[in-house]
N, C-alpha and C. Protein backbone atom coordinates (compact mmCIF):
# COMPACT_ATOMS: atom_id res chain seq x y z
N ILE A 1 15.28 -20.57 -18.59
CA ILE A 1 16.26 -21.09 -18.01
C ILE A 1 16.59 -22.49 -18.93
N MET A 2 17.06 -23.34 -20.26
CA MET A 2 17.34 -23.79 -20.66
C MET A 2 18.53 -25.29 -20.30
N VAL A 3 17.77 -26.57 -19.64
CA VAL A 3 18.94 -27.96 -19.08
C VAL A 3 19.03 -28.46 -20.67
N LEU A 4 20.51 -28.06 -20.90
CA LEU A 4 20.74 -29.31 -22.56
C LEU A 4 20.90 -30.84 -21.82
N PRO A 5 20.53 -31.27 -22.47
CA PRO A 5 20.18 -33.36 -22.24
C PRO A 5 21.53 -34.08 -21.70
N ARG A 6 22.16 -34.77 -21.27
CA ARG A 6 23.10 -35.04 -20.85
C ARG A 6 24.04 -35.63 -21.76
N ASP A 7 23.73 -36.00 -22.44
CA ASP A 7 24.13 -36.42 -23.75
C ASP A 7 23.94 -35.88 -25.14
N GLY A 8 23.46 -34.45 -24.76
CA GLY A 8 23.83 -33.30 -25.73
C GLY A 8 22.72 -33.02 -25.95
N LEU A 9 22.32 -32.57 -27.28
CA LEU A 9 21.12 -32.27 -29.02
C LEU A 9 21.98 -33.61 -29.88
N LYS A 10 20.11 -33.87 -30.13
CA LYS A 10 20.22 -35.22 -31.18
C LYS A 10 19.76 -34.31 -32.37
N ASN A 11 19.48 -34.66 -33.61
CA ASN A 11 18.68 -34.61 -34.58
C ASN A 11 17.60 -35.12 -35.31
N HIS A 12 17.14 -34.90 -35.87
CA HIS A 12 16.22 -35.70 -36.48
C HIS A 12 16.56 -37.11 -36.28
N LEU A 13 17.63 -37.60 -36.97
CA LEU A 13 17.78 -38.69 -36.98
C LEU A 13 18.69 -39.39 -35.81
N GLY A 14 18.51 -38.36 -34.71
CA GLY A 14 19.91 -39.45 -33.60
C GLY A 14 21.35 -38.96 -33.91
N GLU A 15 21.51 -38.08 -34.62
CA GLU A 15 22.58 -38.18 -34.76
C GLU A 15 23.14 -36.45 -33.87
N PRO A 16 24.81 -36.32 -32.85
CA PRO A 16 24.82 -35.61 -32.52
C PRO A 16 24.96 -34.08 -33.51
N VAL A 17 24.01 -33.00 -32.46
CA VAL A 17 24.06 -32.30 -32.87
C VAL A 17 25.41 -31.38 -32.51
N SER A 18 26.15 -30.37 -33.23
CA SER A 18 27.43 -29.50 -32.83
C SER A 18 26.65 -28.02 -33.49
N TYR A 19 27.43 -26.87 -32.73
CA TYR A 19 27.77 -25.71 -33.20
C TYR A 19 29.29 -25.27 -32.77
N ASP A 20 28.74 -24.26 -33.26
CA ASP A 20 30.56 -23.04 -32.75
C ASP A 20 30.65 -22.64 -31.87
N ARG A 21 29.28 -21.66 -31.53
CA ARG A 21 28.93 -20.37 -30.47
C ARG A 21 27.56 -20.95 -30.56
N MET A 22 27.28 -20.72 -29.02
CA MET A 22 25.69 -20.05 -28.06
C MET A 22 25.93 -18.99 -27.08
N TYR A 23 24.70 -18.56 -28.13
CA TYR A 23 23.88 -17.43 -27.38
C TYR A 23 22.83 -17.53 -26.57
N TYR A 24 23.53 -17.35 -25.53
CA TYR A 24 21.80 -17.05 -24.59
C TYR A 24 21.16 -15.00 -25.25
N ILE A 25 20.20 -15.64 -25.41
CA ILE A 25 19.25 -13.67 -25.32
C ILE A 25 17.59 -14.30 -23.72
N GLY A 26 18.33 -13.37 -22.96
CA GLY A 26 17.41 -13.27 -21.64
C GLY A 26 16.19 -11.48 -21.49
N GLU A 27 14.79 -12.38 -21.66
CA GLU A 27 14.44 -10.95 -22.02
C GLU A 27 13.63 -11.20 -20.76
N ASN A 28 14.24 -9.55 -20.47
CA ASN A 28 13.49 -9.26 -18.80
C ASN A 28 12.07 -8.16 -19.39
N ASP A 29 11.12 -8.15 -18.58
CA ASP A 29 10.54 -7.18 -18.42
C ASP A 29 10.29 -6.70 -16.97
N PHE A 30 10.04 -5.90 -16.94
CA PHE A 30 10.47 -4.47 -15.18
C PHE A 30 8.53 -4.02 -15.40
N TYR A 31 7.80 -3.37 -14.43
CA TYR A 31 7.09 -2.65 -14.35
C TYR A 31 7.49 -1.78 -13.36
N ILE A 32 7.42 -0.76 -13.41
CA ILE A 32 8.63 0.56 -12.41
C ILE A 32 6.73 1.39 -12.00
N PRO A 33 6.53 1.63 -11.43
CA PRO A 33 5.54 2.03 -10.93
C PRO A 33 5.57 4.14 -11.45
N ARG A 34 4.83 4.76 -11.59
CA ARG A 34 5.20 6.29 -11.80
C ARG A 34 3.91 6.89 -11.38
N GLY A 35 4.27 8.03 -10.80
CA GLY A 35 3.36 9.45 -9.91
C GLY A 35 2.20 9.54 -11.15
N GLU A 36 1.62 10.66 -10.21
CA GLU A 36 1.25 11.17 -10.53
C GLU A 36 1.53 12.36 -11.69
N ASP A 37 2.33 12.76 -11.71
CA ASP A 37 3.55 13.67 -13.01
C ASP A 37 4.12 12.68 -14.11
N GLY A 38 4.19 10.97 -13.80
CA GLY A 38 3.83 11.03 -15.19
C GLY A 38 5.76 10.10 -14.61
N ALA A 39 6.61 11.28 -13.55
CA ALA A 39 7.72 10.43 -13.82
C ALA A 39 7.42 9.16 -12.63
N TYR A 40 9.17 8.11 -12.71
CA TYR A 40 8.70 6.89 -11.68
C TYR A 40 9.05 7.64 -10.35
N LYS A 41 8.18 6.64 -9.81
CA LYS A 41 8.34 6.71 -8.33
C LYS A 41 9.94 6.07 -7.32
N ARG A 42 10.59 6.62 -6.94
CA ARG A 42 10.69 6.22 -5.61
C ARG A 42 10.65 5.68 -4.57
N TYR A 43 11.33 4.69 -4.13
CA TYR A 43 11.04 4.08 -2.72
C TYR A 43 12.67 4.04 -1.62
N ALA A 44 12.49 3.56 -0.31
CA ALA A 44 13.10 3.85 -0.08
C ALA A 44 13.41 1.94 0.73
N ASP A 45 12.55 1.29 0.36
CA ASP A 45 12.95 -0.32 0.34
C ASP A 45 12.43 -0.64 -0.76
N ALA A 46 12.32 -2.12 -1.25
CA ALA A 46 11.75 -3.33 -2.03
C ALA A 46 10.20 -3.16 -1.56
N GLY A 47 10.49 -2.76 0.24
CA GLY A 47 8.96 -4.09 0.30
C GLY A 47 7.77 -1.94 0.42
N GLU A 48 8.31 -1.19 0.27
CA GLU A 48 7.87 -0.01 0.38
C GLU A 48 6.90 0.16 -0.92
N SER A 49 7.74 -0.41 -2.16
CA SER A 49 7.22 -0.16 -3.30
C SER A 49 5.96 -1.65 -3.76
N TYR A 50 5.87 -2.40 -3.57
CA TYR A 50 5.08 -3.80 -2.83
C TYR A 50 3.87 -3.04 -3.99
N SER A 51 2.86 -3.11 -2.97
CA SER A 51 1.59 -2.34 -3.55
C SER A 51 2.00 -1.81 -4.68
N ASP A 52 2.59 -0.82 -4.80
CA ASP A 52 2.35 0.32 -6.18
C ASP A 52 2.73 -1.23 -7.13
N THR A 53 4.53 -1.66 -7.44
CA THR A 53 4.90 -2.24 -8.21
C THR A 53 3.15 -3.53 -8.47
N LEU A 54 2.89 -4.15 -7.62
CA LEU A 54 1.61 -4.88 -7.63
C LEU A 54 0.27 -4.23 -8.65
N GLU A 55 0.60 -3.78 -7.68
CA GLU A 55 -0.73 -2.33 -9.39
C GLU A 55 -0.60 -2.74 -10.74
N VAL A 56 0.75 -2.32 -10.68
CA VAL A 56 1.13 -2.36 -12.61
C VAL A 56 1.66 -3.18 -12.97
N MET A 57 1.90 -4.09 -12.31
CA MET A 57 2.16 -5.83 -13.11
C MET A 57 0.82 -5.88 -13.16
N ASN A 58 0.40 -5.45 -12.58
CA ASN A 58 -1.74 -6.78 -12.92
C ASN A 58 -2.03 -6.13 -13.80
N GLY A 59 -1.55 -4.99 -14.80
CA GLY A 59 -1.82 -4.57 -15.82
C GLY A 59 -1.38 -4.91 -17.23
N LEU A 60 -0.44 -5.74 -16.61
CA LEU A 60 0.66 -6.79 -17.89
C LEU A 60 1.14 -5.91 -18.81
N ILE A 61 1.15 -5.50 -18.40
CA ILE A 61 2.17 -4.12 -20.14
C ILE A 61 3.22 -3.70 -19.13
N PRO A 62 4.24 -4.01 -19.29
CA PRO A 62 5.62 -3.42 -19.25
C PRO A 62 5.88 -1.99 -19.00
N THR A 63 6.86 -0.91 -18.20
CA THR A 63 6.76 -0.29 -18.26
C THR A 63 8.37 -0.38 -19.70
N HIS A 64 9.43 -1.45 -18.79
CA HIS A 64 10.60 -1.35 -19.83
C HIS A 64 11.04 -3.24 -20.56
N VAL A 65 10.89 -3.61 -21.12
CA VAL A 65 11.55 -4.16 -21.16
C VAL A 65 13.20 -4.32 -22.03
N VAL A 66 13.65 -5.27 -21.55
CA VAL A 66 14.92 -5.36 -21.70
C VAL A 66 16.31 -6.65 -22.52
N PHE A 67 16.62 -6.77 -23.27
CA PHE A 67 16.75 -7.87 -22.93
C PHE A 67 18.67 -8.73 -22.58
N ASN A 68 19.19 -8.92 -21.94
CA ASN A 68 20.21 -9.83 -20.75
C ASN A 68 20.62 -8.68 -20.04
N GLY A 69 18.87 -7.98 -19.24
CA GLY A 69 18.86 -7.25 -18.17
C GLY A 69 19.29 -5.52 -18.32
N LYS A 70 19.69 -4.58 -19.57
CA LYS A 70 20.08 -3.41 -20.24
C LYS A 70 19.47 -3.48 -21.22
N VAL A 71 19.08 -2.42 -21.59
CA VAL A 71 19.59 -1.60 -22.55
C VAL A 71 20.84 -1.48 -23.43
N GLY A 72 20.85 -2.08 -24.70
CA GLY A 72 22.19 -2.50 -24.92
C GLY A 72 22.90 -3.55 -25.67
N ALA A 73 22.67 -4.59 -24.56
CA ALA A 73 22.99 -5.53 -23.99
C ALA A 73 23.44 -6.28 -24.76
N LEU A 74 23.18 -6.51 -26.21
CA LEU A 74 22.96 -7.48 -27.41
C LEU A 74 23.65 -6.34 -28.65
N THR A 75 23.59 -5.21 -28.31
CA THR A 75 24.26 -4.35 -29.49
C THR A 75 25.06 -3.18 -29.76
N GLY A 76 26.16 -2.68 -30.03
CA GLY A 76 27.39 -2.29 -30.45
C GLY A 76 28.28 -2.99 -30.46
N ASP A 77 29.02 -2.40 -29.15
CA ASP A 77 30.31 -4.05 -29.27
C ASP A 77 29.64 -5.36 -28.75
N ASN A 78 28.54 -5.24 -28.29
CA ASN A 78 28.08 -6.65 -27.63
C ASN A 78 27.24 -7.27 -28.81
N ALA A 79 27.42 -6.86 -29.95
CA ALA A 79 26.51 -7.58 -31.03
C ALA A 79 26.53 -9.13 -30.82
N LEU A 80 26.06 -9.75 -31.27
CA LEU A 80 26.04 -11.21 -31.49
C LEU A 80 26.58 -11.12 -32.54
N THR A 81 27.71 -11.74 -32.95
CA THR A 81 28.28 -12.04 -34.46
C THR A 81 28.80 -13.61 -34.81
N ALA A 82 28.31 -13.99 -35.48
CA ALA A 82 29.22 -15.17 -35.94
C ALA A 82 30.21 -14.77 -36.83
N GLU A 83 30.98 -15.78 -37.44
CA GLU A 83 31.24 -16.08 -39.30
C GLU A 83 30.51 -16.93 -40.42
N GLN A 84 30.99 -16.59 -41.52
CA GLN A 84 30.85 -17.34 -41.90
C GLN A 84 30.12 -18.64 -42.09
N GLY A 85 29.19 -19.59 -41.90
CA GLY A 85 29.75 -20.68 -41.98
C GLY A 85 29.56 -21.37 -40.54
N GLU A 86 29.39 -21.30 -39.68
CA GLU A 86 29.86 -21.20 -38.50
C GLU A 86 27.81 -21.84 -38.15
N THR A 87 27.91 -22.74 -36.78
CA THR A 87 26.34 -22.77 -37.09
C THR A 87 26.52 -22.50 -34.94
N VAL A 88 24.89 -21.94 -35.34
CA VAL A 88 25.03 -21.31 -33.76
C VAL A 88 23.97 -21.53 -32.91
N LEU A 89 23.58 -22.33 -31.50
CA LEU A 89 22.95 -22.53 -31.00
C LEU A 89 21.73 -21.17 -30.12
N PHE A 90 20.62 -20.68 -30.33
CA PHE A 90 20.53 -19.67 -29.45
C PHE A 90 19.47 -20.00 -28.56
N VAL A 91 19.89 -19.57 -27.34
CA VAL A 91 18.72 -19.53 -26.66
C VAL A 91 17.84 -18.93 -26.04
N HIS A 92 16.75 -18.50 -26.68
CA HIS A 92 16.23 -17.70 -25.67
C HIS A 92 14.76 -17.53 -24.37
N SER A 93 14.69 -16.85 -23.41
CA SER A 93 13.74 -17.08 -22.75
C SER A 93 13.07 -16.42 -22.22
N GLN A 94 11.62 -15.92 -21.89
CA GLN A 94 11.10 -14.62 -21.05
C GLN A 94 9.78 -15.28 -21.07
N ALA A 95 10.17 -15.34 -19.61
CA ALA A 95 9.12 -15.46 -18.43
C ALA A 95 7.50 -15.31 -18.44
N ASN A 96 7.29 -14.01 -19.35
CA ASN A 96 6.01 -13.24 -18.73
C ASN A 96 4.77 -13.29 -20.58
N ARG A 97 6.09 -13.60 -21.35
CA ARG A 97 4.54 -13.35 -22.70
C ARG A 97 5.42 -14.01 -24.02
N ASP A 98 4.60 -14.24 -24.94
CA ASP A 98 4.76 -14.84 -26.09
C ASP A 98 5.55 -13.91 -26.52
N SER A 99 7.25 -14.14 -26.71
CA SER A 99 7.93 -13.65 -27.71
C SER A 99 8.80 -14.32 -28.21
N ARG A 100 9.18 -13.66 -29.58
CA ARG A 100 10.85 -14.61 -29.96
C ARG A 100 11.18 -14.12 -31.06
N PRO A 101 13.36 -14.34 -30.91
CA PRO A 101 13.65 -13.76 -31.49
C PRO A 101 13.57 -14.11 -32.73
N HIS A 102 14.01 -13.14 -34.09
CA HIS A 102 13.55 -13.80 -35.55
C HIS A 102 15.28 -13.50 -36.45
N LEU A 103 15.97 -14.58 -36.89
CA LEU A 103 16.51 -14.41 -37.41
C LEU A 103 16.79 -13.48 -39.07
N ILE A 104 17.16 -12.49 -39.16
CA ILE A 104 17.47 -11.81 -39.99
C ILE A 104 18.70 -12.52 -40.97
N GLY A 105 18.69 -12.57 -42.31
CA GLY A 105 19.94 -12.83 -42.81
C GLY A 105 19.88 -13.96 -42.77
N GLY A 106 19.47 -14.94 -42.33
CA GLY A 106 19.50 -16.09 -42.23
C GLY A 106 18.70 -17.04 -41.83
N HIS A 107 19.41 -19.09 -41.44
CA HIS A 107 17.91 -19.23 -41.65
C HIS A 107 18.44 -20.50 -39.92
N GLY A 108 17.32 -20.80 -39.97
CA GLY A 108 17.04 -21.83 -39.01
C GLY A 108 17.11 -23.10 -39.50
N ASP A 109 17.96 -24.16 -39.00
CA ASP A 109 18.29 -25.93 -39.40
C ASP A 109 17.81 -26.29 -38.28
N LEU A 110 17.46 -26.13 -37.19
CA LEU A 110 16.69 -27.43 -36.13
C LEU A 110 16.30 -26.49 -35.64
N GLY A 111 14.91 -27.12 -35.38
CA GLY A 111 14.11 -26.62 -33.62
C GLY A 111 13.22 -28.11 -32.67
N PHE A 112 13.97 -27.54 -31.87
CA PHE A 112 13.92 -28.07 -30.03
C PHE A 112 13.19 -27.98 -29.40
N GLY A 113 11.17 -28.64 -29.63
CA GLY A 113 9.95 -28.21 -28.64
C GLY A 113 10.77 -29.16 -27.20
N ARG A 114 9.64 -29.48 -27.43
CA ARG A 114 9.44 -29.89 -25.43
C ARG A 114 10.21 -30.65 -25.30
N ARG A 115 11.25 -31.95 -24.37
CA ARG A 115 11.53 -32.81 -24.19
C ARG A 115 12.44 -33.17 -25.30
N GLY A 116 13.10 -32.15 -26.00
CA GLY A 116 13.98 -32.85 -27.13
C GLY A 116 13.55 -33.23 -27.87
N LYS A 117 12.12 -32.40 -28.45
CA LYS A 117 11.69 -33.30 -29.69
C LYS A 117 12.33 -32.19 -31.13
N VAL A 118 12.90 -33.11 -31.83
CA VAL A 118 13.28 -32.13 -32.61
C VAL A 118 12.51 -32.00 -34.06
N SER A 119 12.44 -30.27 -34.14
CA SER A 119 11.10 -30.31 -35.84
C SER A 119 12.07 -30.42 -36.66
N THR A 120 11.13 -31.57 -37.84
CA THR A 120 12.24 -31.26 -39.07
C THR A 120 11.43 -30.72 -40.40
N THR A 121 10.70 -30.08 -40.03
CA THR A 121 10.16 -28.57 -41.29
C THR A 121 10.93 -27.96 -40.14
N CYS A 122 11.60 -27.05 -41.32
CA CYS A 122 12.29 -25.51 -41.30
C CYS A 122 11.72 -24.37 -39.91
N PRO A 123 12.02 -24.63 -38.85
CA PRO A 123 12.39 -23.72 -37.55
C PRO A 123 12.14 -21.98 -37.56
N SER A 124 12.60 -21.67 -38.91
CA SER A 124 12.55 -20.44 -38.77
C SER A 124 11.37 -19.74 -39.57
N VAL A 125 10.54 -20.41 -39.79
CA VAL A 125 9.69 -20.48 -39.84
C VAL A 125 8.10 -20.82 -39.22
N ILE A 126 8.59 -21.42 -38.26
CA ILE A 126 7.26 -21.84 -37.47
C ILE A 126 7.11 -21.68 -35.88
N TRP A 127 6.20 -22.07 -35.57
CA TRP A 127 6.29 -21.39 -33.73
C TRP A 127 6.68 -22.30 -32.99
N ARG A 128 7.09 -21.60 -32.42
CA ARG A 128 8.26 -22.29 -31.02
C ARG A 128 7.33 -21.68 -29.91
N ARG A 129 7.11 -22.70 -28.40
CA ARG A 129 6.62 -22.53 -27.19
C ARG A 129 7.52 -22.21 -25.98
N GLY A 130 6.90 -21.95 -25.48
CA GLY A 130 8.41 -21.02 -24.57
C GLY A 130 9.27 -23.15 -24.16
N SER A 131 9.74 -22.59 -23.52
CA SER A 131 11.31 -23.64 -23.55
C SER A 131 11.43 -24.68 -24.55
N SER A 132 11.28 -24.13 -25.46
CA SER A 132 12.14 -24.75 -26.95
C SER A 132 13.13 -24.03 -27.53
N ALA A 133 14.03 -24.30 -28.63
CA ALA A 133 14.53 -23.83 -28.76
C ALA A 133 15.32 -23.92 -30.50
N ALA A 134 15.78 -23.60 -31.00
CA ALA A 134 16.49 -22.92 -32.42
C ALA A 134 17.91 -23.11 -32.75
N GLY A 135 18.30 -23.39 -34.04
CA GLY A 135 19.30 -23.77 -34.66
C GLY A 135 19.82 -23.74 -35.34
């Protein structure tokens, strides 16, 4: 989750940053136990699955990775779109792994790190730690 500053984001000159659209990209990992036959197991309730799920989670390799909660949430009719010339703020969150979306066919102008510090170098090619934003 990203909490925007009360007085809004500011660029490296201290000027307010405006944007036409904002997109949130939530990346979720799921760890679903499989049986000996390779099929996903079913349980009567979450409590019954606890020890098996914990074992899968301790392996640190998710069985499923989805964006915004389900397969296809950001494609097709749900694709993230913008008009030419618009400024778009992307907020990406991933709690468990070091991953970040990459712009294709565009570029980033600003990058916001921890505590709202602004990067003055091209944010589309520099590393962004978790809890950072690029726009």
